[in-house]
Structure formats: structure tokens, C-alpha cells
PDB file of N, CA and C in Angstrom:
ATOM      1  N   MET A   1      82.050  35.860  46.763  1.00  0.00           N
ATOM      2  CA  MET A   1      81.564  37.120  46.232  1.00  0.00           C
ATOM      3  C   MET A   1      80.159  36.961  45.637  1.00  0.00           C
ATOM      4  N   ILE A   2      79.982  35.909  44.827  1.00  0.00           N
ATOM      5  CA  ILE A   2      78.673  35.703  44.199  1.00  0.00           C
ATOM      6  C   ILE A   2      77.620  35.396  45.255  1.00  0.00           C
ATOM      7  N   ARG A   3      77.963  34.601  46.237  1.00  0.00           N
ATOM      8  CA  ARG A   3      76.996  34.291  47.303  1.00  0.00           C
ATOM      9  C   ARG A   3      76.613  35.544  48.074  1.00  0.00           C
ATOM     10  N   TYR A   4      77.552  36.423  48.284  1.00  0.00           N
ATOM     11  CA  TYR A   4      77.277  37.690  48.968  1.00  0.00           C
ATOM     12  C   TYR A   4      76.275  38.515  48.167  1.00  0.00           C
ATOM     13  N   ILE A   5      76.480  38.597  46.856  1.00  0.00           N
ATOM     14  CA  ILE A   5      75.571  39.350  45.982  1.00  0.00           C
ATOM     15  C   ILE A   5      74.198  38.687  45.965  1.00  0.00           C
ATOM     16  N   GLU A   6      74.180  37.354  45.867  1.00  0.00           N
ATOM     17  CA  GLU A   6      72.902  36.638  45.879  1.00  0.00           C
ATOM     18  C   GLU A   6      72.146  36.881  47.177  1.00  0.00           C
ATOM     19  N   TYR A   7      72.845  36.805  48.292  1.00  0.00           N
ATOM     20  CA  TYR A   7      72.208  37.006  49.590  1.00  0.00           C
ATOM     21  C   TYR A   7      71.650  38.418  49.723  1.00  0.00           C
ATOM     22  N   ASN A   8      72.438  39.426  49.359  1.00  0.00           N
ATOM     23  CA  ASN A   8      72.008  40.819  49.516  1.00  0.00           C
ATOM     24  C   ASN A   8      70.871  41.212  48.579  1.00  0.00           C
ATOM     25  N   SER A   9      70.722  40.516  47.466  1.00  0.00           N
ATOM     26  CA  SER A   9      69.655  40.887  46.528  1.00  0.00           C
ATOM     27  C   SER A   9      68.515  39.874  46.523  1.00  0.00           C
ATOM     28  N   ASN A  10      68.477  38.968  47.510  1.00  0.00           N
ATOM     29  CA  ASN A  10      67.429  37.944  47.588  1.00  0.00           C
ATOM     30  C   ASN A  10      67.282  37.204  46.261  1.00  0.00           C
ATOM     31  N   ALA A  11      68.389  36.714  45.760  1.00  0.00           N
ATOM     32  CA  ALA A  11      68.401  36.042  44.467  1.00  0.00           C
ATOM     33  C   ALA A  11      67.510  34.809  44.451  1.00  0.00           C
ATOM     34  N   SER A  12      67.273  34.200  45.598  1.00  0.00           N
ATOM     35  CA  SER A  12      66.428  33.006  45.628  1.00  0.00           C
ATOM     36  C   SER A  12      65.015  33.322  45.126  1.00  0.00           C
ATOM     37  N   ILE A  13      64.538  34.533  45.362  1.00  0.00           N
ATOM     38  CA  ILE A  13      63.222  34.933  44.857  1.00  0.00           C
ATOM     39  C   ILE A  13      63.259  35.028  43.336  1.00  0.00           C
ATOM     40  N   ALA A  14      64.320  35.595  42.798  1.00  0.00           N
ATOM     41  CA  ALA A  14      64.463  35.688  41.343  1.00  0.00           C
ATOM     42  C   ALA A  14      64.558  34.295  40.733  1.00  0.00           C
ATOM     43  N   TYR A  15      65.321  33.398  41.361  1.00  0.00           N
ATOM     44  CA  TYR A  15      65.454  32.034  40.867  1.00  0.00           C
ATOM     45  C   TYR A  15      64.111  31.308  40.903  1.00  0.00           C
ATOM     46  N   ASP A  16      63.406  31.418  42.035  1.00  0.00           N
ATOM     47  CA  ASP A  16      62.127  30.725  42.188  1.00  0.00           C
ATOM     48  C   ASP A  16      61.089  31.222  41.180  1.00  0.00           C
ATOM     49  N   THR A  17      61.063  32.528  40.951  1.00  0.00           N
ATOM     50  CA  THR A  17      60.128  33.090  39.975  1.00  0.00           C
ATOM     51  C   THR A  17      60.461  32.588  38.574  1.00  0.00           C
ATOM     52  N   ALA A  18      61.730  32.577  38.216  1.00  0.00           N
ATOM     53  CA  ALA A  18      62.147  32.102  36.892  1.00  0.00           C
ATOM     54  C   ALA A  18      61.819  30.621  36.711  1.00  0.00           C
ATOM     55  N   ILE A  19      62.072  29.818  37.727  1.00  0.00           N
ATOM     56  CA  ILE A  19      61.784  28.384  37.631  1.00  0.00           C
ATOM     57  C   ILE A  19      60.280  28.142  37.565  1.00  0.00           C
ATOM     58  N   GLY A  20      59.516  28.885  38.363  1.00  0.00           N
ATOM     59  CA  GLY A  20      58.058  28.749  38.329  1.00  0.00           C
ATOM     60  C   GLY A  20      57.489  29.125  36.971  1.00  0.00           C
ATOM     61  N   SER A  21      57.972  30.225  36.413  1.00  0.00           N
ATOM     62  CA  SER A  21      57.511  30.649  35.091  1.00  0.00           C
ATOM     63  C   SER A  21      57.914  29.639  34.022  1.00  0.00           C
ATOM     64  N   ALA A  22      59.113  29.112  34.135  1.00  0.00           N
ATOM     65  CA  ALA A  22      59.596  28.138  33.157  1.00  0.00           C
ATOM     66  C   ALA A  22      58.767  26.861  33.206  1.00  0.00           C
ATOM     67  N   SER A  23      58.351  26.445  34.398  1.00  0.00           N
ATOM     68  CA  SER A  23      57.556  25.227  34.501  1.00  0.00           C
ATOM     69  C   SER A  23      56.134  25.439  33.998  1.00  0.00           C
ATOM     70  N   GLU A  24      55.617  26.674  34.095  1.00  0.00           N
ATOM     71  CA  GLU A  24      54.258  26.966  33.636  1.00  0.00           C
ATOM     72  C   GLU A  24      54.200  27.271  32.143  1.00  0.00           C
ATOM     73  N   THR A  25      55.143  28.079  31.649  1.00  0.00           N
ATOM     74  CA  THR A  25      55.047  28.570  30.279  1.00  0.00           C
ATOM     75  C   THR A  25      56.199  28.112  29.388  1.00  0.00           C
ATOM     76  N   GLY A  26      57.235  27.551  29.970  1.00  0.00           N
ATOM     77  CA  GLY A  26      58.407  27.175  29.195  1.00  0.00           C
ATOM     78  C   GLY A  26      59.424  28.300  29.101  1.00  0.00           C
ATOM     79  N   LEU A  27      59.099  29.452  29.657  1.00  0.00           N
ATOM     80  CA  LEU A  27      60.002  30.602  29.651  1.00  0.00           C
ATOM     81  C   LEU A  27      60.163  31.122  31.070  1.00  0.00           C
ATOM     82  N   GLY A  28      61.390  31.369  31.481  1.00  0.00           N
ATOM     83  CA  GLY A  28      61.634  31.933  32.798  1.00  0.00           C
ATOM     84  C   GLY A  28      62.943  32.682  32.801  1.00  0.00           C
ATOM     85  N   TYR A  29      62.934  33.904  33.323  1.00  0.00           N
ATOM     86  CA  TYR A  29      64.115  34.757  33.269  1.00  0.00           C
ATOM     87  C   TYR A  29      64.302  35.511  34.581  1.00  0.00           C
ATOM     88  N   PHE A  30      65.542  35.924  34.823  1.00  0.00           N
ATOM     89  CA  PHE A  30      65.847  36.910  35.856  1.00  0.00           C
ATOM     90  C   PHE A  30      66.921  37.810  35.287  1.00  0.00           C
ATOM     91  N   ARG A  31      67.119  38.961  35.935  1.00  0.00           N
ATOM     92  CA  ARG A  31      68.110  39.939  35.460  1.00  0.00           C
ATOM     93  C   ARG A  31      69.169  40.161  36.514  1.00  0.00           C
ATOM     94  N   ILE A  32      70.309  40.609  36.045  1.00  0.00           N
ATOM     95  CA  ILE A  32      71.343  41.110  36.942  1.00  0.00           C
ATOM     96  C   ILE A  32      71.558  42.565  36.546  1.00  0.00           C
ATOM     97  N   ILE A  33      71.252  43.453  37.467  1.00  0.00           N
ATOM     98  CA  ILE A  33      71.380  44.886  37.206  1.00  0.00           C
ATOM     99  C   ILE A  33      72.437  45.466  38.129  1.00  0.00           C
ATOM    100  N   THR A  34      72.825  46.694  37.864  1.00  0.00           N
ATOM    101  CA  THR A  34      73.736  47.390  38.766  1.00  0.00           C
ATOM    102  C   THR A  34      73.022  48.601  39.351  1.00  0.00           C
ATOM    103  N   GLU A  35      73.252  48.828  40.608  1.00  0.00           N
ATOM    104  CA  GLU A  35      72.673  49.967  41.318  1.00  0.00           C
ATOM    105  C   GLU A  35      73.755  50.624  42.160  1.00  0.00           C
ATOM    106  N   TYR A  36      73.530  51.898  42.468  1.00  0.00           N
ATOM    107  CA  TYR A  36      74.442  52.569  43.386  1.00  0.00           C
ATOM    108  C   TYR A  36      74.221  52.028  44.788  1.00  0.00           C
ATOM    109  N   GLU A  37      75.308  51.824  45.497  1.00  0.00           N
ATOM    110  CA  GLU A  37      75.236  51.266  46.840  1.00  0.00           C
ATOM    111  C   GLU A  37      74.484  52.202  47.793  1.00  0.00           C
ATOM    112  N   ARG A  38      74.781  53.479  47.688  1.00  0.00           N
ATOM    113  CA  ARG A  38      74.096  54.510  48.481  1.00  0.00           C
ATOM    114  C   ARG A  38      73.881  55.718  47.587  1.00  0.00           C
ATOM    115  N   GLU A  39      73.000  56.604  47.985  1.00  0.00           N
ATOM    116  CA  GLU A  39      72.735  57.808  47.195  1.00  0.00           C
ATOM    117  C   GLU A  39      73.940  58.732  47.118  1.00  0.00           C
ATOM    118  N   ASP A  40      74.752  58.752  48.154  1.00  0.00           N
ATOM    119  CA  ASP A  40      75.899  59.659  48.195  1.00  0.00           C
ATOM    120  C   ASP A  40      77.205  58.986  47.766  1.00  0.00           C
ATOM    121  N   SER A  41      77.096  57.840  47.099  1.00  0.00           N
ATOM    122  CA  SER A  41      78.284  57.090  46.724  1.00  0.00           C
ATOM    123  C   SER A  41      78.291  56.802  45.227  1.00  0.00           C
ATOM    124  N   PHE A  42      79.489  56.617  44.689  1.00  0.00           N
ATOM    125  CA  PHE A  42      79.615  56.207  43.293  1.00  0.00           C
ATOM    126  C   PHE A  42      79.929  54.713  43.186  1.00  0.00           C
ATOM    127  N   ASP A  43      79.862  54.008  44.305  1.00  0.00           N
ATOM    128  CA  ASP A  43      80.086  52.568  44.305  1.00  0.00           C
ATOM    129  C   ASP A  43      78.866  51.869  43.716  1.00  0.00           C
ATOM    130  N   VAL A  44      79.114  50.985  42.764  1.00  0.00           N
ATOM    131  CA  VAL A  44      78.034  50.275  42.087  1.00  0.00           C
ATOM    132  C   VAL A  44      78.085  48.811  42.493  1.00  0.00           C
ATOM    133  N   VAL A  45      76.905  48.237  42.793  1.00  0.00           N
ATOM    134  CA  VAL A  45      76.815  46.832  43.178  1.00  0.00           C
ATOM    135  C   VAL A  45      75.833  46.107  42.256  1.00  0.00           C
ATOM    136  N   PRO A  46      76.141  44.870  41.897  1.00  0.00           N
ATOM    137  CA  PRO A  46      75.188  44.092  41.096  1.00  0.00           C
ATOM    138  C   PRO A  46      74.078  43.527  41.972  1.00  0.00           C
ATOM    139  N   ARG A  47      72.894  43.369  41.381  1.00  0.00           N
ATOM    140  CA  ARG A  47      71.743  42.825  42.106  1.00  0.00           C
ATOM    141  C   ARG A  47      70.963  41.901  41.187  1.00  0.00           C
ATOM    142  N   PHE A  48      70.446  40.824  41.746  1.00  0.00           N
ATOM    143  CA  PHE A  48      69.554  39.928  41.026  1.00  0.00           C
ATOM    144  C   PHE A  48      68.132  40.458  41.158  1.00  0.00           C
ATOM    145  N   VAL A  49      67.407  40.498  40.049  1.00  0.00           N
ATOM    146  CA  VAL A  49      66.037  41.009  40.044  1.00  0.00           C
ATOM    147  C   VAL A  49      65.157  40.014  39.295  1.00  0.00           C
ATOM    148  N   ARG A  50      64.001  39.729  39.841  1.00  0.00           N
ATOM    149  CA  ARG A  50      63.104  38.798  39.168  1.00  0.00           C
ATOM    150  C   ARG A  50      62.346  39.478  38.041  1.00  0.00           C
ATOM    151  N   ILE A  51      61.957  38.704  37.061  1.00  0.00           N
ATOM    152  CA  ILE A  51      61.094  39.173  35.985  1.00  0.00           C
ATOM    153  C   ILE A  51      59.789  38.409  36.136  1.00  0.00           C
ATOM    154  N   ARG A  52      58.748  39.103  36.534  1.00  0.00           N
ATOM    155  CA  ARG A  52      57.477  38.441  36.838  1.00  0.00           C
ATOM    156  C   ARG A  52      56.810  37.844  35.613  1.00  0.00           C
ATOM    157  N   ASN A  53      56.844  38.555  34.496  1.00  0.00           N
ATOM    158  CA  ASN A  53      56.170  38.100  33.288  1.00  0.00           C
ATOM    159  C   ASN A  53      57.222  37.783  32.224  1.00  0.00           C
ATOM    160  N   PRO A  54      57.449  36.517  31.922  1.00  0.00           N
ATOM    161  CA  PRO A  54      58.482  36.174  30.948  1.00  0.00           C
ATOM    162  C   PRO A  54      58.143  36.627  29.527  1.00  0.00           C
ATOM    163  N   LEU A  55      56.896  36.970  29.274  1.00  0.00           N
ATOM    164  CA  LEU A  55      56.508  37.430  27.941  1.00  0.00           C
ATOM    165  C   LEU A  55      56.953  38.866  27.678  1.00  0.00           C
ATOM    166  N   THR A  56      57.510  39.522  28.686  1.00  0.00           N
ATOM    167  CA  THR A  56      58.020  40.881  28.491  1.00  0.00           C
ATOM    168  C   THR A  56      59.486  40.885  28.070  1.00  0.00           C
ATOM    169  N   VAL A  57      60.085  39.708  27.909  1.00  0.00           N
ATOM    170  CA  VAL A  57      61.482  39.592  27.497  1.00  0.00           C
ATOM    171  C   VAL A  57      61.521  39.300  26.001  1.00  0.00           C
ATOM    172  N   HIS A  58      62.250  40.115  25.270  1.00  0.00           N
ATOM    173  CA  HIS A  58      62.362  39.970  23.820  1.00  0.00           C
ATOM    174  C   HIS A  58      63.844  39.909  23.447  1.00  0.00           C
ATOM    175  N   PHE A  59      64.205  38.835  22.769  1.00  0.00           N
ATOM    176  CA  PHE A  59      65.595  38.647  22.386  1.00  0.00           C
ATOM    177  C   PHE A  59      65.904  39.316  21.062  1.00  0.00           C
ATOM    178  N   ASP A  60      67.179  39.453  20.806  1.00  0.00           N
ATOM    179  CA  ASP A  60      67.717  40.001  19.573  1.00  0.00           C
ATOM    180  C   ASP A  60      67.025  39.353  18.370  1.00  0.00           C
ATOM    181  N   PRO A  61      66.412  40.155  17.473  1.00  0.00           N
ATOM    182  CA  PRO A  61      65.735  39.570  16.317  1.00  0.00           C
ATOM    183  C   PRO A  61      66.686  38.835  15.376  1.00  0.00           C
ATOM    184  N   ASP A  62      67.981  39.092  15.459  1.00  0.00           N
ATOM    185  CA  ASP A  62      68.952  38.397  14.630  1.00  0.00           C
ATOM    186  C   ASP A  62      69.386  37.057  15.235  1.00  0.00           C
ATOM    187  N   SER A  63      68.872  36.740  16.411  1.00  0.00           N
ATOM    188  CA  SER A  63      69.216  35.494  17.076  1.00  0.00           C
ATOM    189  C   SER A  63      68.634  34.315  16.294  1.00  0.00           C
ATOM    190  N   ILE A  64      69.410  33.259  16.169  1.00  0.00           N
ATOM    191  CA  ILE A  64      68.980  32.086  15.409  1.00  0.00           C
ATOM    192  C   ILE A  64      68.556  30.949  16.340  1.00  0.00           C
ATOM    193  N   GLU A  65      69.273  30.758  17.427  1.00  0.00           N
ATOM    194  CA  GLU A  65      68.997  29.657  18.341  1.00  0.00           C
ATOM    195  C   GLU A  65      67.662  29.864  19.058  1.00  0.00           C
ATOM    196  N   GLY A  66      66.922  28.781  19.251  1.00  0.00           N
ATOM    197  CA  GLY A  66      65.618  28.846  19.904  1.00  0.00           C
ATOM    198  C   GLY A  66      65.670  29.288  21.349  1.00  0.00           C
ATOM    199  N   ASP A  67      66.767  28.975  22.026  1.00  0.00           N
ATOM    200  CA  ASP A  67      66.897  29.361  23.427  1.00  0.00           C
ATOM    201  C   ASP A  67      67.504  30.744  23.612  1.00  0.00           C
ATOM    202  N   GLY A  68      67.858  31.418  22.511  1.00  0.00           N
ATOM    203  CA  GLY A  68      68.423  32.763  22.596  1.00  0.00           C
ATOM    204  C   GLY A  68      69.874  32.798  23.041  1.00  0.00           C
ATOM    205  N   SER A  69      70.552  31.664  23.051  1.00  0.00           N
ATOM    206  CA  SER A  69      71.933  31.628  23.540  1.00  0.00           C
ATOM    207  C   SER A  69      72.891  32.417  22.655  1.00  0.00           C
ATOM    208  N   ASP A  70      72.504  32.692  21.420  1.00  0.00           N
ATOM    209  CA  ASP A  70      73.371  33.466  20.533  1.00  0.00           C
ATOM    210  C   ASP A  70      72.931  34.929  20.417  1.00  0.00           C
ATOM    211  N   ALA A  71      71.965  35.339  21.223  1.00  0.00           N
ATOM    212  CA  ALA A  71      71.473  36.722  21.183  1.00  0.00           C
ATOM    213  C   ALA A  71      72.522  37.673  21.736  1.00  0.00           C
ATOM    214  N   ARG A  72      72.657  38.808  21.088  1.00  0.00           N
ATOM    215  CA  ARG A  72      73.609  39.818  21.569  1.00  0.00           C
ATOM    216  C   ARG A  72      72.986  40.749  22.592  1.00  0.00           C
ATOM    217  N   ARG A  73      71.670  40.836  22.586  1.00  0.00           N
ATOM    218  CA  ARG A  73      70.973  41.711  23.541  1.00  0.00           C
ATOM    219  C   ARG A  73      69.550  41.212  23.725  1.00  0.00           C
ATOM    220  N   ALA A  74      68.919  41.682  24.780  1.00  0.00           N
ATOM    221  CA  ALA A  74      67.521  41.365  25.053  1.00  0.00           C
ATOM    222  C   ALA A  74      66.871  42.620  25.615  1.00  0.00           C
ATOM    223  N   LEU A  75      65.600  42.756  25.370  1.00  0.00           N
ATOM    224  CA  LEU A  75      64.851  43.902  25.858  1.00  0.00           C
ATOM    225  C   LEU A  75      63.797  43.404  26.824  1.00  0.00           C
ATOM    226  N   VAL A  76      63.698  44.045  27.977  1.00  0.00           N
ATOM    227  CA  VAL A  76      62.673  43.719  28.952  1.00  0.00           C
ATOM    228  C   VAL A  76      61.722  44.895  29.005  1.00  0.00           C
ATOM    229  N   GLU A  77      60.463  44.644  28.666  1.00  0.00           N
ATOM    230  CA  GLU A  77      59.468  45.716  28.684  1.00  0.00           C
ATOM    231  C   GLU A  77      59.192  46.131  30.120  1.00  0.00           C
ATOM    232  N   GLU A  78      59.146  47.427  30.333  1.00  0.00           N
ATOM    233  CA  GLU A  78      58.832  47.929  31.664  1.00  0.00           C
ATOM    234  C   GLU A  78      57.743  48.983  31.611  1.00  0.00           C
ATOM    235  N   GLY A  79      57.125  49.166  30.471  1.00  0.00           N
ATOM    236  CA  GLY A  79      56.056  50.139  30.331  1.00  0.00           C
ATOM    237  C   GLY A  79      55.782  50.410  28.870  1.00  0.00           C
ATOM    238  N   ALA A  80      54.899  51.349  28.621  1.00  0.00           N
ATOM    239  CA  ALA A  80      54.485  51.656  27.249  1.00  0.00           C
ATOM    240  C   ALA A  80      55.653  52.154  26.407  1.00  0.00           C
ATOM    241  N   ALA A  81      56.560  52.920  26.976  1.00  0.00           N
ATOM    242  CA  ALA A  81      57.681  53.459  26.203  1.00  0.00           C
ATOM    243  C   ALA A  81      58.570  52.348  25.662  1.00  0.00           C
ATOM    244  N   SER A  82      58.796  51.300  26.444  1.00  0.00           N
ATOM    245  CA  SER A  82      59.649  50.219  25.959  1.00  0.00           C
ATOM    246  C   SER A  82      58.970  49.445  24.844  1.00  0.00           C
ATOM    247  N   ARG A  83      57.642  49.331  24.869  1.00  0.00           N
ATOM    248  CA  ARG A  83      56.939  48.661  23.774  1.00  0.00           C
ATOM    249  C   ARG A  83      57.094  49.444  22.487  1.00  0.00           C
ATOM    250  N   ILE A  84      57.060  50.769  22.583  1.00  0.00           N
ATOM    251  CA  ILE A  84      57.237  51.603  21.392  1.00  0.00           C
ATOM    252  C   ILE A  84      58.660  51.443  20.863  1.00  0.00           C
ATOM    253  N   LEU A  85      59.656  51.455  21.754  1.00  0.00           N
ATOM    254  CA  LEU A  85      61.043  51.275  21.331  1.00  0.00           C
ATOM    255  C   LEU A  85      61.245  49.913  20.692  1.00  0.00           C
ATOM    256  N   LEU A  86      60.591  48.888  21.224  1.00  0.00           N
ATOM    257  CA  LEU A  86      60.703  47.559  20.650  1.00  0.00           C
ATOM    258  C   LEU A  86      60.156  47.544  19.226  1.00  0.00           C
ATOM    259  N   LYS A  87      58.995  48.152  19.022  1.00  0.00           N
ATOM    260  CA  LYS A  87      58.404  48.193  17.682  1.00  0.00           C
ATOM    261  C   LYS A  87      59.307  48.940  16.710  1.00  0.00           C
ATOM    262  N   ILE A  88      59.867  50.054  17.151  1.00  0.00           N
ATOM    263  CA  ILE A  88      60.773  50.821  16.293  1.00  0.00           C
ATOM    264  C   ILE A  88      61.990  49.976  15.943  1.00  0.00           C
ATOM    265  N   SER A  89      62.544  49.271  16.926  1.00  0.00           N
ATOM    266  CA  SER A  89      63.721  48.436  16.697  1.00  0.00           C
ATOM    267  C   SER A  89      63.418  47.324  15.704  1.00  0.00           C
ATOM    268  N   ILE A  90      62.269  46.679  15.835  1.00  0.00           N
ATOM    269  CA  ILE A  90      61.904  45.589  14.934  1.00  0.00           C
ATOM    270  C   ILE A  90      61.710  46.116  13.520  1.00  0.00           C
ATOM    271  N   VAL A  91      61.031  47.259  13.390  1.00  0.00           N
ATOM    272  CA  VAL A  91      60.814  47.837  12.062  1.00  0.00           C
ATOM    273  C   VAL A  91      62.147  48.185  11.422  1.00  0.00           C
ATOM    274  N   ARG A  92      63.057  48.775  12.172  1.00  0.00           N
ATOM    275  CA  ARG A  92      64.375  49.128  11.627  1.00  0.00           C
ATOM    276  C   ARG A  92      65.150  47.886  11.202  1.00  0.00           C
ATOM    277  N   ASN A  93      65.087  46.838  12.021  1.00  0.00           N
ATOM    278  CA  ASN A  93      65.800  45.606  11.678  1.00  0.00           C
ATOM    279  C   ASN A  93      65.212  44.971  10.424  1.00  0.00           C
ATOM    280  N   ARG A  94      63.893  45.022  10.266  1.00  0.00           N
ATOM    281  CA  ARG A  94      63.276  44.473   9.056  1.00  0.00           C
ATOM    282  C   ARG A  94      63.673  45.292   7.839  1.00  0.00           C
ATOM    283  N   GLN A  95      63.713  46.614   7.991  1.00  0.00           N
ATOM    284  CA  GLN A  95      64.116  47.468   6.873  1.00  0.00           C
ATOM    285  C   GLN A  95      65.564  47.189   6.487  1.00  0.00           C
ATOM    286  N   ASN A  96      66.425  47.024   7.479  1.00  0.00           N
ATOM    287  CA  ASN A  96      67.829  46.720   7.194  1.00  0.00           C
ATOM    288  C   ASN A  96      67.959  45.374   6.486  1.00  0.00           C
ATOM    289  N   ALA A  97      67.173  44.399   6.900  1.00  0.00           N
ATOM    290  CA  ALA A  97      67.215  43.091   6.253  1.00  0.00           C
ATOM    291  C   ALA A  97      66.737  43.179   4.812  1.00  0.00           C
ATOM    292  N   GLN A  98      65.701  43.973   4.564  1.00  0.00           N
ATOM    293  CA  GLN A  98      65.203  44.152   3.206  1.00  0.00           C
ATOM    294  C   GLN A  98      66.248  44.859   2.346  1.00  0.00           C
ATOM    295  N   ASP A  99      66.894  45.870   2.899  1.00  0.00           N
ATOM    296  CA  ASP A  99      67.938  46.582   2.164  1.00  0.00           C
ATOM    297  C   ASP A  99      69.092  45.633   1.813  1.00  0.00           C
ATOM    298  N   ASP A 100      69.449  44.757   2.752  1.00  0.00           N
ATOM    299  CA  ASP A 100      70.511  43.793   2.514  1.00  0.00           C
ATOM    300  C   ASP A 100      70.136  42.823   1.393  1.00  0.00           C
ATOM    301  N   ARG A 101      68.874  42.373   1.400  1.00  0.00           N
ATOM    302  CA  ARG A 101      68.430  41.443   0.369  1.00  0.00           C
ATOM    303  C   ARG A 101      68.444  42.106  -1.005  1.00  0.00           C
ATOM    304  N   GLN A 102      68.020  43.380  -1.052  1.00  0.00           N
ATOM    305  CA  GLN A 102      67.993  44.097  -2.326  1.00  0.00           C
ATOM    306  C   GLN A 102      69.419  44.327  -2.828  1.00  0.00           C
ATOM    307  N   CYS A 103      70.324  44.614  -1.936  1.00  0.00           N
ATOM    308  CA  CYS A 103      71.714  44.854  -2.308  1.00  0.00           C
ATOM    309  C   CYS A 103      72.339  43.578  -2.881  1.00  0.00           C
ATOM    310  N   CYS A 104      72.072  42.466  -2.252  1.00  0.00           N
ATOM    311  CA  CYS A 104      72.675  41.209  -2.693  1.00  0.00           C
ATOM    312  C   CYS A 104      72.008  40.655  -3.935  1.00  0.00           C
ATOM    313  N   ALA A 105      70.768  41.036  -4.196  1.00  0.00           N
ATOM    314  CA  ALA A 105      70.042  40.501  -5.354  1.00  0.00           C
ATOM    315  C   ALA A 105      70.526  41.125  -6.654  1.00  0.00           C
ATOM    316  N   ARG A 106      71.185  42.241  -6.586  1.00  0.00           N
ATOM    317  CA  ARG A 106      71.634  42.940  -7.800  1.00  0.00           C
ATOM    318  C   ARG A 106      72.778  42.275  -8.458  1.00  0.00           C
TER     319      ARG A 106
END
């Protein structure tokens, strides 16, 4: 099943891009997304997709591990709107952390 999905989504390109980026910058990623099989169908299939720029991947700010293995979510920037959402998310997380510190300091 996995080989079928890899073959249909050209996963080798995603793997090669991730490995190339990792060897150049120390960071390399690919995604697994779901898409509809056809426009007239509700069948969903997973696909491997390459991430060309590893600097567009942002892990959960609450993650502690350097490799992000404990991250609950990651954001991949795909345009200006995602950068704005990322900034809003970071500001909210910082505010929540400050509120937590103030609550515990009392």
C-alpha cells in the first residue's frame, strides 16, 4: 500500500529534495497530504509532496526537542497569509506563556 502511494505521488522527488536540503542546510522536510482522487469523487488519497524551502517549516513553539520530535503541529508557509497567521500564533502563545507565569508567580 505504501509503495503504491509513493509511486503514484513520485515520493522519490520529495525524498531527494528533503535529503538535498538536509545536506545543504541541516533541515529537510516533505509532507504527506490528502487529495480527492477525482473531482467527482469523495475518495481521498494520500500523496507525498516536496517542500522546496525548509525555512518555510515552523514547528510548535511549545516543542522542546531540537529535532521537533515532540512537536504537536507544524506550519508550512505557502504565502503571505500563512506568515501573518504564524505571527498571530506566536504572539498568542507568548501572551499565554506570560499569563501562565503571572498566574504562578502569585
